[in-house]
Protein backbone atom coordinates (compact mmCIF):
# COMPACT_ATOMS: atom_id res chain seq x y z
CA MET A 1 -51.30 39.26 -85.10
CA ILE A 2 -54.72 39.07 -87.05
CA THR A 3 -53.22 35.72 -88.31
CA MET A 4 -52.69 34.51 -85.23
CA LEU A 5 -56.11 34.96 -84.01
CA ILE A 6 -57.61 33.66 -86.80
CA TYR A 7 -55.60 30.93 -86.28
CA VAL A 8 -56.15 29.99 -82.86
CA ILE A 9 -59.76 29.81 -83.18
CA ILE A 10 -59.77 27.63 -86.02
CA SER A 11 -57.62 25.27 -83.60
CA PHE A 12 -60.19 26.43 -81.32
CA PHE A 13 -62.86 25.33 -83.07
CA LEU A 14 -61.59 22.03 -84.50
CA ASP A 15 -61.55 20.70 -81.13
CA GLY A 16 -64.92 20.03 -81.21
CA LEU A 17 -65.71 19.66 -84.36
CA LEU A 18 -63.43 16.87 -85.03
CA SER A 19 -64.34 15.44 -81.64
CA ASN A 20 -67.87 14.97 -83.22
CA PHE A 21 -66.83 13.85 -86.08
CA PHE A 22 -64.63 11.18 -85.29
CA SER A 23 -65.90 8.96 -82.57
CA ALA A 24 -63.91 8.15 -80.21
CA SER A 25 -64.11 7.33 -76.13
CA ILE A 26 -62.28 7.88 -73.20
CA ILE A 27 -61.39 4.13 -73.53
CA ASN A 28 -61.23 3.72 -77.21
CA PRO A 29 -59.56 7.26 -78.35
CA SER A 30 -59.13 7.50 -82.24
CA TYR A 31 -56.05 7.75 -83.99
CA LEU A 32 -57.13 11.34 -85.58
CA ARG A 33 -57.89 13.28 -82.44
CA THR A 34 -55.31 15.96 -80.78
CA ILE A 35 -55.90 18.80 -78.50
CA TYR A 36 -55.57 21.38 -81.90
CA SER A 37 -55.39 24.61 -79.43
CA VAL A 38 -52.10 24.03 -77.63
CA VAL A 39 -50.98 22.73 -80.98
CA SER A 40 -52.21 26.49 -81.83
CA LEU A 41 -50.19 27.63 -78.72
CA VAL A 42 -46.91 26.09 -80.09
CA VAL A 43 -47.25 26.97 -83.01
CA ILE A 44 -47.73 30.60 -82.49
CA PHE A 45 -45.23 31.22 -79.96
CA ASN A 46 -42.09 32.27 -81.46
CA TYR A 47 -44.67 34.89 -83.50
CA PHE A 48 -44.80 37.50 -80.31
CA GLU A 49 -41.90 39.25 -79.58
CA ASN A 50 -44.09 40.85 -76.56
CA LYS A 51 -45.47 37.42 -74.04
CA ASN A 52 -47.82 39.60 -72.73
CA LYS A 53 -50.22 39.63 -75.93
CA TYR A 54 -49.51 36.08 -76.12
CA LEU A 55 -50.45 35.45 -72.25
CA THR A 56 -53.38 37.22 -73.30
CA ILE A 57 -54.42 35.16 -76.13
CA LEU A 58 -53.67 31.74 -73.92
CA THR A 59 -55.87 33.46 -70.79
CA ILE A 60 -58.48 33.89 -72.79
CA LEU A 61 -58.30 30.16 -74.77
CA GLY A 62 -58.29 28.53 -71.41
CA ILE A 63 -61.24 30.47 -70.12
CA LEU A 64 -63.39 29.63 -73.33
CA PHE A 65 -61.79 25.94 -73.89
CA ASP A 66 -63.09 25.43 -69.85
CA ILE A 67 -66.46 27.06 -70.84
CA VAL A 68 -67.14 25.32 -73.54
CA TYR A 69 -65.66 22.10 -73.75
CA THR A 70 -64.35 20.61 -69.81
CA ASN A 71 -66.96 22.46 -67.87
CA THR A 72 -64.45 23.45 -65.31
CA PHE A 73 -63.02 26.16 -63.73
CA LEU A 74 -59.46 27.67 -64.74
CA LEU A 75 -58.14 24.28 -64.88
CA HIS A 76 -56.82 24.60 -68.86
CA ILE A 77 -55.33 28.33 -67.76
CA VAL A 78 -53.26 26.43 -65.06
CA ILE A 79 -52.15 23.83 -67.95
CA PHE A 80 -51.86 26.09 -71.19
CA PHE A 81 -49.55 28.25 -68.65
CA ILE A 82 -47.53 25.33 -67.68
CA ILE A 83 -47.38 24.66 -71.30
CA PHE A 84 -46.02 28.34 -71.56
CA ILE A 85 -43.22 27.82 -69.20
CA PHE A 86 -42.36 24.72 -70.90
CA LEU A 87 -42.43 26.74 -74.29
CA ASN A 88 -39.97 29.43 -72.80
CA ILE A 89 -37.54 26.93 -71.47
CA THR A 90 -36.96 24.71 -74.63
CA ASP A 91 -37.05 28.92 -77.21
CA TYR A 92 -33.86 29.39 -75.31
CA TYR A 93 -32.36 25.97 -76.24
CA LEU A 94 -33.83 24.46 -79.28
CA PRO A 95 -34.33 26.41 -82.68
CA ASN A 96 -37.00 27.36 -83.86
CA ASN A 97 -37.75 24.84 -87.15
CA LEU A 98 -40.20 21.95 -88.36
CA PHE A 99 -38.77 19.69 -86.24
CA THR A 100 -37.87 21.36 -83.06
CA ILE A 101 -41.68 22.43 -83.34
CA ASN A 102 -43.19 19.26 -83.77
CA LEU A 103 -41.13 17.54 -80.91
CA ILE A 104 -42.24 20.21 -78.36
CA SER A 105 -45.97 19.69 -79.91
CA LEU A 106 -45.71 16.24 -79.05
CA VAL A 107 -43.95 17.55 -75.37
CA SER A 108 -46.92 19.97 -74.77
CA ILE A 109 -49.49 17.16 -75.69
CA THR A 110 -47.78 14.82 -73.16
CA ILE A 111 -48.19 17.68 -70.39
CA TYR A 112 -51.69 18.74 -71.54
CA HIS A 113 -52.66 15.05 -70.79
CA THR A 114 -50.70 14.05 -68.05
CA MET A 115 -51.53 17.65 -66.18
CA SER A 116 -55.39 16.97 -66.91
CA TYR A 117 -54.88 12.98 -65.70
CA LEU A 118 -52.92 14.39 -62.44
CA ILE A 119 -55.67 17.13 -61.79
CA LEU A 120 -58.46 15.21 -62.10
CA LEU A 121 -57.04 11.93 -59.85
CA LEU A 122 -56.26 14.39 -57.14
CA VAL A 123 -59.91 15.81 -56.80
CA HIS A 124 -61.56 12.35 -57.72
CA TYR A 125 -63.75 13.66 -60.46
CA ASN A 126 -62.92 11.04 -63.31
CA ASN A 127 -60.24 7.71 -62.31
CA TYR A 128 -59.11 6.09 -64.99
CA PRO A 129 -55.76 3.86 -65.25
CA ILE A 130 -52.54 5.30 -66.44
CA SER A 131 -52.09 2.61 -69.10
CA LEU A 132 -55.68 4.40 -70.43
CA LEU A 133 -53.50 8.01 -70.17
CA LEU A 134 -50.66 6.34 -72.31
CA LEU A 135 -53.11 4.90 -74.88
CA ILE A 136 -54.58 8.58 -75.02
CA LEU A 137 -50.78 10.10 -75.68
CA SER A 138 -50.11 7.05 -78.48
CA ARG A 139 -52.66 7.73 -80.50
CA SER A 140 -52.60 11.47 -80.56
CA ILE A 141 -49.18 11.50 -82.08
CA ILE A 142 -50.29 11.23 -85.55
CA MET A 143 -52.41 13.98 -85.72
CA THR A 144 -50.35 16.07 -83.63
CA ILE A 145 -47.74 15.47 -86.28
CA ILE A 146 -49.95 16.36 -89.32
CA TYR A 147 -51.56 19.49 -87.87
CA THR A 148 -48.33 20.78 -86.60
CA THR A 149 -46.33 20.34 -89.32
CA ILE A 150 -49.06 21.95 -91.57
CA SER A 151 -50.03 24.29 -89.36
CA TYR A 152 -46.49 25.23 -88.85
CA LEU A 153 -45.75 25.70 -93.05
CA ILE A 154 -48.76 27.53 -93.07
CA ILE A 155 -47.58 30.24 -90.74
CA LYS A 156 -44.29 30.31 -91.66
CA LYS A 157 -45.23 31.34 -95.23
CA ILE A 158 -47.74 33.67 -94.47
CA TYR A 159 -45.66 35.53 -92.25
CA ARG A 160 -42.43 35.26 -94.02
CA LYS A 161 -44.76 36.88 -97.54
CA LYS A 162 -46.84 39.18 -95.92
CA TYR A 163 -44.92 40.66 -92.65
CA ASN A 164 -41.61 39.08 -92.91
CA LYS A 165 -41.27 40.13 -89.53
CA GLN A 166 -42.11 39.22 -85.90
CA ILE A 167 -45.12 40.33 -84.20
CA LYS A 168 -44.17 43.43 -81.82
């Protein structure tokens, strides 16, 4: 469990750190940006037998994300919980391997950006065209696949070597 927490914390800080290094704006998103916290939630999902511990991590991460990065209230907890529901559904039907984890990460990033877009559109907070949403999604593909692949292989190796079992 400590390994998962360290990985989630690193991903959380990467969200802020890399947004400072790779200059991008809402109009011109970077190819090297993704939502690292969402990818970390996808990668660690299969290592939890007790989903209450996973939900605790998800809730704390959502609260921190809201406070530190977006200055919203409960937005990311709701979005992360929707991603959790999606992960539960796909976990039942898809095996846990590199290809499916990458596919699930891409869909989760799409869910994240689409839900953020829809919620912000509904509350008239930040209106931007759907073409910009599609641009953001298309430009996040590369880094999402890279970060998911690296994370999946490292976490899998650590757990195979150190624990050789799932978190209970």
